Amino acid sequence: MKTHKDLDVWKKAISFVSDIYKITESFPDSELFGLTNQIRRASVPIPSNIAEGAARTSLKEFNQFLSIALGSIAEIETQLIIAMNLQFISTEKHKELTVKIDDIRKMLIGLKKSLQ
């Protein structure tokens, strides 16, 4: 591995953050400092923690940052269910995002296993 930018999981996570920002643009203005902000703030740490972990000098540290990214995945997954329940996103859009979340999660778990 050269840098975090060479990791497919980082690339997918970056793309996912862009998706989240685009989707939350349509949330009600009343949610700008509520769910919109919360979902956006939960998405950014996913690729950020992958990058920071990859830059660390020990595999143990890298593994810890991947664990933090997994926590952010669970957080955003929960927030997207709330957004769907409030009808801020459609069931179809939720399913589409869930597929992406599951893919990133599987890749993170696989990367963690490869570090052990």
PDB file of N, CA and C in Angstrom:
ATOM      1  N   MET A   1       0.834  -1.178   0.000  1.00  0.00           N
ATOM      2  CA  MET A   1       0.000   0.000   0.000  1.00  0.00           C
ATOM      3  C   MET A   1       0.883   1.247   0.000  1.00  0.00           C
ATOM      4  N   LYS A   2       0.582   2.174  -0.869  1.00  0.00           N
ATOM      5  CA  LYS A   2       1.337   3.419  -0.929  1.00  0.00           C
ATOM      6  C   LYS A   2       0.767   4.435   0.061  1.00  0.00           C
ATOM      7  N   THR A   3      -0.497   4.803  -0.114  1.00  0.00           N
ATOM      8  CA  THR A   3      -1.179   5.709   0.823  1.00  0.00           C
ATOM      9  C   THR A   3      -2.635   5.274   0.947  1.00  0.00           C
ATOM     10  N   HIS A   4      -3.343   5.965   1.804  1.00  0.00           N
ATOM     11  CA  HIS A   4      -4.772   5.692   1.974  1.00  0.00           C
ATOM     12  C   HIS A   4      -5.544   5.867   0.668  1.00  0.00           C
ATOM     13  N   LYS A   5      -5.038   6.740  -0.207  1.00  0.00           N
ATOM     14  CA  LYS A   5      -5.728   6.998  -1.476  1.00  0.00           C
ATOM     15  C   LYS A   5      -5.702   5.794  -2.408  1.00  0.00           C
ATOM     16  N   ASP A   6      -4.871   4.811  -2.103  1.00  0.00           N
ATOM     17  CA  ASP A   6      -4.815   3.578  -2.890  1.00  0.00           C
ATOM     18  C   ASP A   6      -5.812   2.530  -2.399  1.00  0.00           C
ATOM     19  N   LEU A   7      -6.431   2.769  -1.260  1.00  0.00           N
ATOM     20  CA  LEU A   7      -7.371   1.799  -0.689  1.00  0.00           C
ATOM     21  C   LEU A   7      -8.757   1.956  -1.314  1.00  0.00           C
ATOM     22  N   ASP A   8      -9.294   0.866  -1.841  1.00  0.00           N
ATOM     23  CA  ASP A   8     -10.627   0.905  -2.444  1.00  0.00           C
ATOM     24  C   ASP A   8     -11.691   1.317  -1.435  1.00  0.00           C
ATOM     25  N   VAL A   9     -11.551   0.887  -0.198  1.00  0.00           N
ATOM     26  CA  VAL A   9     -12.537   1.238   0.827  1.00  0.00           C
ATOM     27  C   VAL A   9     -12.531   2.745   1.086  1.00  0.00           C
ATOM     28  N   TRP A  10     -11.384   3.371   1.035  1.00  0.00           N
ATOM     29  CA  TRP A  10     -11.307   4.821   1.207  1.00  0.00           C
ATOM     30  C   TRP A  10     -12.010   5.520   0.047  1.00  0.00           C
ATOM     31  N   LYS A  11     -11.774   5.037  -1.176  1.00  0.00           N
ATOM     32  CA  LYS A  11     -12.418   5.620  -2.363  1.00  0.00           C
ATOM     33  C   LYS A  11     -13.934   5.505  -2.275  1.00  0.00           C
ATOM     34  N   LYS A  12     -14.426   4.339  -1.859  1.00  0.00           N
ATOM     35  CA  LYS A  12     -15.871   4.145  -1.717  1.00  0.00           C
ATOM     36  C   LYS A  12     -16.434   5.041  -0.619  1.00  0.00           C
ATOM     37  N   ALA A  13     -15.695   5.199   0.450  1.00  0.00           N
ATOM     38  CA  ALA A  13     -16.150   6.050   1.553  1.00  0.00           C
ATOM     39  C   ALA A  13     -16.206   7.517   1.129  1.00  0.00           C
ATOM     40  N   ILE A  14     -15.243   7.963   0.348  1.00  0.00           N
ATOM     41  CA  ILE A  14     -15.253   9.335  -0.180  1.00  0.00           C
ATOM     42  C   ILE A  14     -16.487   9.548  -1.050  1.00  0.00           C
ATOM     43  N   SER A  15     -16.766   8.609  -1.922  1.00  0.00           N
ATOM     44  CA  SER A  15     -17.945   8.688  -2.788  1.00  0.00           C
ATOM     45  C   SER A  15     -19.230   8.708  -1.958  1.00  0.00           C
ATOM     46  N   PHE A  16     -19.256   7.901  -0.903  1.00  0.00           N
ATOM     47  CA  PHE A  16     -20.425   7.838  -0.026  1.00  0.00           C
ATOM     48  C   PHE A  16     -20.670   9.190   0.649  1.00  0.00           C
ATOM     49  N   VAL A  17     -19.626   9.854   1.089  1.00  0.00           N
ATOM     50  CA  VAL A  17     -19.774  11.178   1.711  1.00  0.00           C
ATOM     51  C   VAL A  17     -20.412  12.147   0.718  1.00  0.00           C
ATOM     52  N   SER A  18     -19.974  12.110  -0.531  1.00  0.00           N
ATOM     53  CA  SER A  18     -20.569  12.972  -1.557  1.00  0.00           C
ATOM     54  C   SER A  18     -22.049  12.665  -1.727  1.00  0.00           C
ATOM     55  N   ASP A  19     -22.391  11.376  -1.733  1.00  0.00           N
ATOM     56  CA  ASP A  19     -23.801  10.973  -1.827  1.00  0.00           C
ATOM     57  C   ASP A  19     -24.608  11.555  -0.671  1.00  0.00           C
ATOM     58  N   ILE A  20     -24.067  11.457   0.521  1.00  0.00           N
ATOM     59  CA  ILE A  20     -24.761  11.953   1.717  1.00  0.00           C
ATOM     60  C   ILE A  20     -24.988  13.462   1.619  1.00  0.00           C
ATOM     61  N   TYR A  21     -23.983  14.195   1.197  1.00  0.00           N
ATOM     62  CA  TYR A  21     -24.145  15.646   1.083  1.00  0.00           C
ATOM     63  C   TYR A  21     -25.216  15.998   0.054  1.00  0.00           C
ATOM     64  N   LYS A  22     -25.240  15.299  -1.067  1.00  0.00           N
ATOM     65  CA  LYS A  22     -26.253  15.562  -2.102  1.00  0.00           C
ATOM     66  C   LYS A  22     -27.652  15.232  -1.597  1.00  0.00           C
ATOM     67  N   ILE A  23     -27.788  14.103  -0.934  1.00  0.00           N
ATOM     68  CA  ILE A  23     -29.100  13.662  -0.454  1.00  0.00           C
ATOM     69  C   ILE A  23     -29.631  14.600   0.624  1.00  0.00           C
ATOM     70  N   THR A  24     -28.784  15.031   1.518  1.00  0.00           N
ATOM     71  CA  THR A  24     -29.244  15.874   2.625  1.00  0.00           C
ATOM     72  C   THR A  24     -29.572  17.303   2.184  1.00  0.00           C
ATOM     73  N   GLU A  25     -29.182  17.682   0.971  1.00  0.00           N
ATOM     74  CA  GLU A  25     -29.566  18.998   0.449  1.00  0.00           C
ATOM     75  C   GLU A  25     -31.081  19.143   0.367  1.00  0.00           C
ATOM     76  N   SER A  26     -31.779  18.019   0.188  1.00  0.00           N
ATOM     77  CA  SER A  26     -33.238  18.064   0.050  1.00  0.00           C
ATOM     78  C   SER A  26     -33.973  17.948   1.391  1.00  0.00           C
ATOM     79  N   PHE A  27     -33.243  17.800   2.484  1.00  0.00           N
ATOM     80  CA  PHE A  27     -33.880  17.736   3.805  1.00  0.00           C
ATOM     81  C   PHE A  27     -34.505  19.102   4.122  1.00  0.00           C
ATOM     82  N   PRO A  28     -35.521  19.125   4.956  1.00  0.00           N
ATOM     83  CA  PRO A  28     -36.148  20.408   5.315  1.00  0.00           C
ATOM     84  C   PRO A  28     -35.140  21.376   5.938  1.00  0.00           C
ATOM     85  N   ASP A  29     -35.339  22.659   5.666  1.00  0.00           N
ATOM     86  CA  ASP A  29     -34.461  23.683   6.235  1.00  0.00           C
ATOM     87  C   ASP A  29     -34.438  23.618   7.757  1.00  0.00           C
ATOM     88  N   SER A  30     -35.543  23.203   8.340  1.00  0.00           N
ATOM     89  CA  SER A  30     -35.619  23.116   9.805  1.00  0.00           C
ATOM     90  C   SER A  30     -34.643  22.083  10.373  1.00  0.00           C
ATOM     91  N   GLU A  31     -34.132  21.204   9.509  1.00  0.00           N
ATOM     92  CA  GLU A  31     -33.195  20.164   9.946  1.00  0.00           C
ATOM     93  C   GLU A  31     -31.734  20.524   9.694  1.00  0.00           C
ATOM     94  N   LEU A  32     -31.493  21.735   9.201  1.00  0.00           N
ATOM     95  CA  LEU A  32     -30.120  22.128   8.865  1.00  0.00           C
ATOM     96  C   LEU A  32     -29.163  21.933  10.041  1.00  0.00           C
ATOM     97  N   PHE A  33     -29.604  22.276  11.234  1.00  0.00           N
ATOM     98  CA  PHE A  33     -28.749  22.113  12.415  1.00  0.00           C
ATOM     99  C   PHE A  33     -29.133  20.879  13.219  1.00  0.00           C
ATOM    100  N   GLY A  34     -30.000  20.064  12.651  1.00  0.00           N
ATOM    101  CA  GLY A  34     -30.440  18.828  13.293  1.00  0.00           C
ATOM    102  C   GLY A  34     -29.912  17.625  12.538  1.00  0.00           C
ATOM    103  N   LEU A  35     -30.825  16.879  11.944  1.00  0.00           N
ATOM    104  CA  LEU A  35     -30.460  15.625  11.293  1.00  0.00           C
ATOM    105  C   LEU A  35     -29.531  15.826  10.097  1.00  0.00           C
ATOM    106  N   THR A  36     -29.732  16.897   9.332  1.00  0.00           N
ATOM    107  CA  THR A  36     -28.846  17.162   8.189  1.00  0.00           C
ATOM    108  C   THR A  36     -27.398  17.260   8.660  1.00  0.00           C
ATOM    109  N   ASN A  37     -27.180  18.089   9.646  1.00  0.00           N
ATOM    110  CA  ASN A  37     -25.837  18.286  10.191  1.00  0.00           C
ATOM    111  C   ASN A  37     -25.293  16.997  10.797  1.00  0.00           C
ATOM    112  N   GLN A  38     -26.135  16.281  11.521  1.00  0.00           N
ATOM    113  CA  GLN A  38     -25.703  15.058  12.201  1.00  0.00           C
ATOM    114  C   GLN A  38     -25.261  13.990  11.200  1.00  0.00           C
ATOM    115  N   ILE A  39     -26.051  13.799  10.138  1.00  0.00           N
ATOM    116  CA  ILE A  39     -25.706  12.788   9.128  1.00  0.00           C
ATOM    117  C   ILE A  39     -24.416  13.169   8.407  1.00  0.00           C
ATOM    118  N   ARG A  40     -24.297  14.425   8.063  1.00  0.00           N
ATOM    119  CA  ARG A  40     -23.074  14.870   7.387  1.00  0.00           C
ATOM    120  C   ARG A  40     -21.862  14.688   8.294  1.00  0.00           C
ATOM    121  N   ARG A  41     -22.014  15.050   9.558  1.00  0.00           N
ATOM    122  CA  ARG A  41     -20.896  14.927  10.505  1.00  0.00           C
ATOM    123  C   ARG A  41     -20.534  13.474  10.783  1.00  0.00           C
ATOM    124  N   ALA A  42     -21.481  12.572  10.621  1.00  0.00           N
ATOM    125  CA  ALA A  42     -21.187  11.147  10.814  1.00  0.00           C
ATOM    126  C   ALA A  42     -20.510  10.540   9.592  1.00  0.00           C
ATOM    127  N   SER A  43     -20.766  11.105   8.412  1.00  0.00           N
ATOM    128  CA  SER A  43     -20.208  10.509   7.187  1.00  0.00           C
ATOM    129  C   SER A  43     -18.738  10.866   6.970  1.00  0.00           C
ATOM    130  N   VAL A  44     -18.362  12.080   7.272  1.00  0.00           N
ATOM    131  CA  VAL A  44     -16.995  12.549   7.008  1.00  0.00           C
ATOM    132  C   VAL A  44     -15.923  11.746   7.752  1.00  0.00           C
ATOM    133  N   PRO A  45     -16.147  11.342   9.002  1.00  0.00           N
ATOM    134  CA  PRO A  45     -15.108  10.569   9.701  1.00  0.00           C
ATOM    135  C   PRO A  45     -14.820   9.187   9.107  1.00  0.00           C
ATOM    136  N   ILE A  46     -15.706   8.677   8.277  1.00  0.00           N
ATOM    137  CA  ILE A  46     -15.455   7.339   7.723  1.00  0.00           C
ATOM    138  C   ILE A  46     -14.168   7.351   6.891  1.00  0.00           C
ATOM    139  N   PRO A  47     -14.095   8.130   5.794  1.00  0.00           N
ATOM    140  CA  PRO A  47     -12.833   8.138   5.039  1.00  0.00           C
ATOM    141  C   PRO A  47     -11.696   8.811   5.806  1.00  0.00           C
ATOM    142  N   SER A  48     -12.039   9.768   6.662  1.00  0.00           N
ATOM    143  CA  SER A  48     -10.999  10.467   7.427  1.00  0.00           C
ATOM    144  C   SER A  48     -10.261   9.525   8.367  1.00  0.00           C
ATOM    145  N   ASN A  49     -10.989   8.658   9.047  1.00  0.00           N
ATOM    146  CA  ASN A  49     -10.342   7.710   9.959  1.00  0.00           C
ATOM    147  C   ASN A  49      -9.583   6.627   9.209  1.00  0.00           C
ATOM    148  N   ILE A  50     -10.064   6.247   8.046  1.00  0.00           N
ATOM    149  CA  ILE A  50      -9.308   5.304   7.212  1.00  0.00           C
ATOM    150  C   ILE A  50      -7.964   5.939   6.845  1.00  0.00           C
ATOM    151  N   ALA A  51      -8.015   7.200   6.424  1.00  0.00           N
ATOM    152  CA  ALA A  51      -6.793   7.909   6.029  1.00  0.00           C
ATOM    153  C   ALA A  51      -5.838   8.079   7.203  1.00  0.00           C
ATOM    154  N   GLU A  52      -6.371   8.523   8.331  1.00  0.00           N
ATOM    155  CA  GLU A  52      -5.499   8.740   9.491  1.00  0.00           C
ATOM    156  C   GLU A  52      -4.883   7.436   9.972  1.00  0.00           C
ATOM    157  N   GLY A  53      -5.675   6.382   9.996  1.00  0.00           N
ATOM    158  CA  GLY A  53      -5.160   5.082  10.417  1.00  0.00           C
ATOM    159  C   GLY A  53      -4.070   4.568   9.499  1.00  0.00           C
ATOM    160  N   ALA A  54      -4.281   4.741   8.191  1.00  0.00           N
ATOM    161  CA  ALA A  54      -3.293   4.272   7.215  1.00  0.00           C
ATOM    162  C   ALA A  54      -1.974   5.029   7.350  1.00  0.00           C
ATOM    163  N   ALA A  55      -2.047   6.255   7.834  1.00  0.00           N
ATOM    164  CA  ALA A  55      -0.836   7.066   7.987  1.00  0.00           C
ATOM    165  C   ALA A  55      -0.075   6.749   9.273  1.00  0.00           C
ATOM    166  N   ARG A  56      -0.683   6.011  10.163  1.00  0.00           N
ATOM    167  CA  ARG A  56      -0.027   5.654  11.423  1.00  0.00           C
ATOM    168  C   ARG A  56       1.071   4.629  11.182  1.00  0.00           C
ATOM    169  N   THR A  57       1.978   4.546  12.118  1.00  0.00           N
ATOM    170  CA  THR A  57       3.139   3.669  11.929  1.00  0.00           C
ATOM    171  C   THR A  57       2.923   2.251  12.430  1.00  0.00           C
ATOM    172  N   SER A  58       1.859   2.021  13.187  1.00  0.00           N
ATOM    173  CA  SER A  58       1.641   0.659  13.679  1.00  0.00           C
ATOM    174  C   SER A  58       0.313   0.102  13.171  1.00  0.00           C
ATOM    175  N   LEU A  59       0.290  -1.200  12.974  1.00  0.00           N
ATOM    176  CA  LEU A  59      -0.929  -1.867  12.533  1.00  0.00           C
ATOM    177  C   LEU A  59      -2.010  -1.786  13.606  1.00  0.00           C
ATOM    178  N   LYS A  60      -1.596  -1.797  14.864  1.00  0.00           N
ATOM    179  CA  LYS A  60      -2.553  -1.692  15.965  1.00  0.00           C
ATOM    180  C   LYS A  60      -3.311  -0.364  15.889  1.00  0.00           C
ATOM    181  N   GLU A  61      -2.582   0.708  15.624  1.00  0.00           N
ATOM    182  CA  GLU A  61      -3.223   2.022  15.497  1.00  0.00           C
ATOM    183  C   GLU A  61      -4.141   2.062  14.280  1.00  0.00           C
ATOM    184  N   PHE A  62      -3.677   1.527  13.164  1.00  0.00           N
ATOM    185  CA  PHE A  62      -4.490   1.480  11.949  1.00  0.00           C
ATOM    186  C   PHE A  62      -5.792   0.740  12.244  1.00  0.00           C
ATOM    187  N   ASN A  63      -5.679  -0.386  12.911  1.00  0.00           N
ATOM    188  CA  ASN A  63      -6.840  -1.196  13.261  1.00  0.00           C
ATOM    189  C   ASN A  63      -7.815  -0.404  14.134  1.00  0.00           C
ATOM    190  N   GLN A  64      -7.286   0.369  15.067  1.00  0.00           N
ATOM    191  CA  GLN A  64      -8.134   1.179  15.948  1.00  0.00           C
ATOM    192  C   GLN A  64      -8.912   2.224  15.149  1.00  0.00           C
ATOM    193  N   PHE A  65      -8.267   2.872  14.199  1.00  0.00           N
ATOM    194  CA  PHE A  65      -8.950   3.876  13.388  1.00  0.00           C
ATOM    195  C   PHE A  65     -10.005   3.238  12.483  1.00  0.00           C
ATOM    196  N   LEU A  66      -9.752   2.024  12.031  1.00  0.00           N
ATOM    197  CA  LEU A  66     -10.768   1.315  11.247  1.00  0.00           C
ATOM    198  C   LEU A  66     -11.975   0.985  12.122  1.00  0.00           C
ATOM    199  N   SER A  67     -11.729   0.675  13.383  1.00  0.00           N
ATOM    200  CA  SER A  67     -12.829   0.432  14.326  1.00  0.00           C
ATOM    201  C   SER A  67     -13.668   1.694  14.516  1.00  0.00           C
ATOM    202  N   ILE A  68     -13.016   2.824  14.582  1.00  0.00           N
ATOM    203  CA  ILE A  68     -13.738   4.096  14.713  1.00  0.00           C
ATOM    204  C   ILE A  68     -14.584   4.347  13.463  1.00  0.00           C
ATOM    205  N   ALA A  69     -14.029   4.054  12.288  1.00  0.00           N
ATOM    206  CA  ALA A  69     -14.787   4.198  11.041  1.00  0.00           C
ATOM    207  C   ALA A  69     -16.013   3.289  11.048  1.00  0.00           C
ATOM    208  N   LEU A  70     -15.863   2.079  11.573  1.00  0.00           N
ATOM    209  CA  LEU A  70     -17.008   1.168  11.682  1.00  0.00           C
ATOM    210  C   LEU A  70     -18.075   1.743  12.611  1.00  0.00           C
ATOM    211  N   GLY A  71     -17.660   2.397  13.663  1.00  0.00           N
ATOM    212  CA  GLY A  71     -18.613   3.051  14.555  1.00  0.00           C
ATOM    213  C   GLY A  71     -19.388   4.148  13.846  1.00  0.00           C
ATOM    214  N   SER A  72     -18.703   4.905  13.006  1.00  0.00           N
ATOM    215  CA  SER A  72     -19.366   5.954  12.230  1.00  0.00           C
ATOM    216  C   SER A  72     -20.361   5.361  11.241  1.00  0.00           C
ATOM    217  N   ILE A  73     -20.019   4.202  10.688  1.00  0.00           N
ATOM    218  CA  ILE A  73     -20.941   3.501   9.780  1.00  0.00           C
ATOM    219  C   ILE A  73     -22.241   3.172  10.517  1.00  0.00           C
ATOM    220  N   ALA A  74     -22.129   2.634  11.726  1.00  0.00           N
ATOM    221  CA  ALA A  74     -23.323   2.284  12.506  1.00  0.00           C
ATOM    222  C   ALA A  74     -24.135   3.533  12.847  1.00  0.00           C
ATOM    223  N   GLU A  75     -23.441   4.606  13.156  1.00  0.00           N
ATOM    224  CA  GLU A  75     -24.115   5.864  13.487  1.00  0.00           C
ATOM    225  C   GLU A  75     -24.921   6.376  12.299  1.00  0.00           C
ATOM    226  N   ILE A  76     -24.298   6.432  11.135  1.00  0.00           N
ATOM    227  CA  ILE A  76     -24.999   6.962   9.963  1.00  0.00           C
ATOM    228  C   ILE A  76     -26.114   6.022   9.508  1.00  0.00           C
ATOM    229  N   GLU A  77     -25.917   4.740   9.677  1.00  0.00           N
ATOM    230  CA  GLU A  77     -26.962   3.772   9.338  1.00  0.00           C
ATOM    231  C   GLU A  77     -28.222   4.053  10.170  1.00  0.00           C
ATOM    232  N   THR A  78     -28.035   4.328  11.438  1.00  0.00           N
ATOM    233  CA  THR A  78     -29.142   4.660  12.336  1.00  0.00           C
ATOM    234  C   THR A  78     -29.816   5.962  11.915  1.00  0.00           C
ATOM    235  N   GLN A  79     -29.022   6.960  11.597  1.00  0.00           N
ATOM    236  CA  GLN A  79     -29.567   8.258  11.207  1.00  0.00           C
ATOM    237  C   GLN A  79     -30.333   8.179   9.895  1.00  0.00           C
ATOM    238  N   LEU A  80     -29.903   7.327   8.991  1.00  0.00           N
ATOM    239  CA  LEU A  80     -30.621   7.173   7.725  1.00  0.00           C
ATOM    240  C   LEU A  80     -31.964   6.473   7.927  1.00  0.00           C
ATOM    241  N   ILE A  81     -32.043   5.581   8.892  1.00  0.00           N
ATOM    242  CA  ILE A  81     -33.335   4.964   9.224  1.00  0.00           C
ATOM    243  C   ILE A  81     -34.280   6.044   9.755  1.00  0.00           C
ATOM    244  N   ILE A  82     -33.766   6.914  10.602  1.00  0.00           N
ATOM    245  CA  ILE A  82     -34.577   8.019  11.118  1.00  0.00           C
ATOM    246  C   ILE A  82     -35.039   8.908   9.968  1.00  0.00           C
ATOM    247  N   ALA A  83     -34.132   9.239   9.053  1.00  0.00           N
ATOM    248  CA  ALA A  83     -34.483  10.077   7.900  1.00  0.00           C
ATOM    249  C   ALA A  83     -35.566   9.417   7.049  1.00  0.00           C
ATOM    250  N   MET A  84     -35.480   8.115   6.875  1.00  0.00           N
ATOM    251  CA  MET A  84     -36.500   7.396   6.111  1.00  0.00           C
ATOM    252  C   MET A  84     -37.829   7.412   6.870  1.00  0.00           C
ATOM    253  N   ASN A  85     -37.788   7.157   8.159  1.00  0.00           N
ATOM    254  CA  ASN A  85     -39.015   7.155   8.964  1.00  0.00           C
ATOM    255  C   ASN A  85     -39.706   8.514   8.957  1.00  0.00           C
ATOM    256  N   LEU A  86     -38.924   9.578   8.868  1.00  0.00           N
ATOM    257  CA  LEU A  86     -39.471  10.937   8.795  1.00  0.00           C
ATOM    258  C   LEU A  86     -39.818  11.339   7.361  1.00  0.00           C
ATOM    259  N   GLN A  87     -39.603  10.432   6.437  1.00  0.00           N
ATOM    260  CA  GLN A  87     -39.881  10.624   5.008  1.00  0.00           C
ATOM    261  C   GLN A  87     -39.025  11.725   4.381  1.00  0.00           C
ATOM    262  N   PHE A  88     -37.808  11.883   4.902  1.00  0.00           N
ATOM    263  CA  PHE A  88     -36.849  12.794   4.288  1.00  0.00           C
ATOM    264  C   PHE A  88     -36.165  12.116   3.107  1.00  0.00           C
ATOM    265  N   ILE A  89     -36.085  10.785   3.147  1.00  0.00           N
ATOM    266  CA  ILE A  89     -35.589   9.998   2.015  1.00  0.00           C
ATOM    267  C   ILE A  89     -36.579   8.866   1.762  1.00  0.00           C
ATOM    268  N   SER A  90     -36.627   8.434   0.522  1.00  0.00           N
ATOM    269  CA  SER A  90     -37.535   7.349   0.146  1.00  0.00           C
ATOM    270  C   SER A  90     -36.980   6.004   0.610  1.00  0.00           C
ATOM    271  N   THR A  91     -37.852   5.027   0.634  1.00  0.00           N
ATOM    272  CA  THR A  91     -37.432   3.663   0.968  1.00  0.00           C
ATOM    273  C   THR A  91     -36.398   3.178  -0.038  1.00  0.00           C
ATOM    274  N   GLU A  92     -36.603   3.528  -1.305  1.00  0.00           N
ATOM    275  CA  GLU A  92     -35.668   3.113  -2.359  1.00  0.00           C
ATOM    276  C   GLU A  92     -34.289   3.736  -2.149  1.00  0.00           C
ATOM    277  N   LYS A  93     -34.270   5.022  -1.823  1.00  0.00           N
ATOM    278  CA  LYS A  93     -32.988   5.705  -1.580  1.00  0.00           C
ATOM    279  C   LYS A  93     -32.310   5.110  -0.343  1.00  0.00           C
ATOM    280  N   HIS A  94     -33.098   4.790   0.664  1.00  0.00           N
ATOM    281  CA  HIS A  94     -32.540   4.172   1.865  1.00  0.00           C
ATOM    282  C   HIS A  94     -31.905   2.828   1.524  1.00  0.00           C
ATOM    283  N   LYS A  95     -32.583   2.037   0.709  1.00  0.00           N
ATOM    284  CA  LYS A  95     -32.033   0.732   0.304  1.00  0.00           C
ATOM    285  C   LYS A  95     -30.729   0.909  -0.464  1.00  0.00           C
ATOM    286  N   GLU A  96     -30.707   1.886  -1.355  1.00  0.00           N
ATOM    287  CA  GLU A  96     -29.499   2.167  -2.149  1.00  0.00           C
ATOM    288  C   GLU A  96     -28.326   2.536  -1.236  1.00  0.00           C
ATOM    289  N   LEU A  97     -28.583   3.385  -0.269  1.00  0.00           N
ATOM    290  CA  LEU A  97     -27.529   3.798   0.663  1.00  0.00           C
ATOM    291  C   LEU A  97     -27.103   2.654   1.574  1.00  0.00           C
ATOM    292  N   THR A  98     -28.059   1.815   1.958  1.00  0.00           N
ATOM    293  CA  THR A  98     -27.747   0.671   2.814  1.00  0.00           C
ATOM    294  C   THR A  98     -26.820  -0.308   2.105  1.00  0.00           C
ATOM    295  N   VAL A  99     -27.022  -0.494   0.809  1.00  0.00           N
ATOM    296  CA  VAL A  99     -26.127  -1.360   0.031  1.00  0.00           C
ATOM    297  C   VAL A  99     -24.705  -0.800   0.074  1.00  0.00           C
ATOM    298  N   LYS A 100     -24.575   0.509  -0.087  1.00  0.00           N
ATOM    299  CA  LYS A 100     -23.252   1.143  -0.039  1.00  0.00           C
ATOM    300  C   LYS A 100     -22.633   1.027   1.354  1.00  0.00           C
ATOM    301  N   ILE A 101     -23.452   1.228   2.373  1.00  0.00           N
ATOM    302  CA  ILE A 101     -22.975   1.100   3.751  1.00  0.00           C
ATOM    303  C   ILE A 101     -22.476  -0.316   4.008  1.00  0.00           C
ATOM    304  N   ASP A 102     -23.273  -1.296   3.598  1.00  0.00           N
ATOM    305  CA  ASP A 102     -22.891  -2.699   3.808  1.00  0.00           C
ATOM    306  C   ASP A 102     -21.589  -3.037   3.086  1.00  0.00           C
ATOM    307  N   ASP A 103     -21.429  -2.491   1.886  1.00  0.00           N
ATOM    308  CA  ASP A 103     -20.211  -2.737   1.114  1.00  0.00           C
ATOM    309  C   ASP A 103     -18.993  -2.151   1.834  1.00  0.00           C
ATOM    310  N   ILE A 104     -19.116  -0.915   2.294  1.00  0.00           N
ATOM    311  CA  ILE A 104     -18.009  -0.279   3.012  1.00  0.00           C
ATOM    312  C   ILE A 104     -17.709  -1.037   4.301  1.00  0.00           C
ATOM    313  N   ARG A 105     -18.752  -1.432   5.019  1.00  0.00           N
ATOM    314  CA  ARG A 105     -18.565  -2.181   6.271  1.00  0.00           C
ATOM    315  C   ARG A 105     -17.799  -3.477   6.018  1.00  0.00           C
ATOM    316  N   LYS A 106     -18.210  -4.226   5.005  1.00  0.00           N
ATOM    317  CA  LYS A 106     -17.539  -5.495   4.683  1.00  0.00           C
ATOM    318  C   LYS A 106     -16.074  -5.265   4.326  1.00  0.00           C
ATOM    319  N   MET A 107     -15.815  -4.201   3.583  1.00  0.00           N
ATOM    320  CA  MET A 107     -14.437  -3.898   3.203  1.00  0.00           C
ATOM    321  C   MET A 107     -13.601  -3.509   4.425  1.00  0.00           C
ATOM    322  N   LEU A 108     -14.188  -2.734   5.327  1.00  0.00           N
ATOM    323  CA  LEU A 108     -13.474  -2.350   6.549  1.00  0.00           C
ATOM    324  C   LEU A 108     -13.162  -3.569   7.404  1.00  0.00           C
ATOM    325  N   ILE A 109     -14.138  -4.451   7.553  1.00  0.00           N
ATOM    326  CA  ILE A 109     -13.919  -5.671   8.343  1.00  0.00           C
ATOM    327  C   ILE A 109     -12.838  -6.533   7.699  1.00  0.00           C
ATOM    328  N   GLY A 110     -12.885  -6.653   6.376  1.00  0.00           N
ATOM    329  CA  GLY A 110     -11.860  -7.421   5.670  1.00  0.00           C
ATOM    330  C   GLY A 110     -10.475  -6.821   5.843  1.00  0.00           C
ATOM    331  N   LEU A 111     -10.396  -5.494   5.774  1.00  0.00           N
ATOM    332  CA  LEU A 111      -9.109  -4.823   5.963  1.00  0.00           C
ATOM    333  C   LEU A 111      -8.606  -5.028   7.390  1.00  0.00           C
ATOM    334  N   LYS A 112      -9.502  -4.915   8.370  1.00  0.00           N
ATOM    335  CA  LYS A 112      -9.112  -5.158   9.763  1.00  0.00           C
ATOM    336  C   LYS A 112      -8.559  -6.572   9.933  1.00  0.00           C
ATOM    337  N   LYS A 113      -9.218  -7.546   9.349  1.00  0.00           N
ATOM    338  CA  LYS A 113      -8.759  -8.939   9.458  1.00  0.00           C
ATOM    339  C   LYS A 113      -7.388  -9.118   8.819  1.00  0.00           C
ATOM    340  N   SER A 114      -7.154  -8.406   7.724  1.00  0.00           N
ATOM    341  CA  SER A 114      -5.863  -8.543   7.040  1.00  0.00           C
ATOM    342  C   SER A 114      -4.718  -7.939   7.852  1.00  0.00           C
ATOM    343  N   LEU A 115      -5.038  -7.065   8.786  1.00  0.00           N
ATOM    344  CA  LEU A 115      -4.013  -6.417   9.613  1.00  0.00           C
ATOM    345  C   LEU A 115      -3.627  -7.251  10.824  1.00  0.00           C
ATOM    346  N   GLN A 116      -4.395  -8.278  11.114  1.00  0.00           N
ATOM    347  CA  GLN A 116      -4.137  -9.093  12.313  1.00  0.00           C
ATOM    348  C   GLN A 116      -3.132 -10.185  12.054  1.00  0.00           C
TER     349      GLN A 116
END
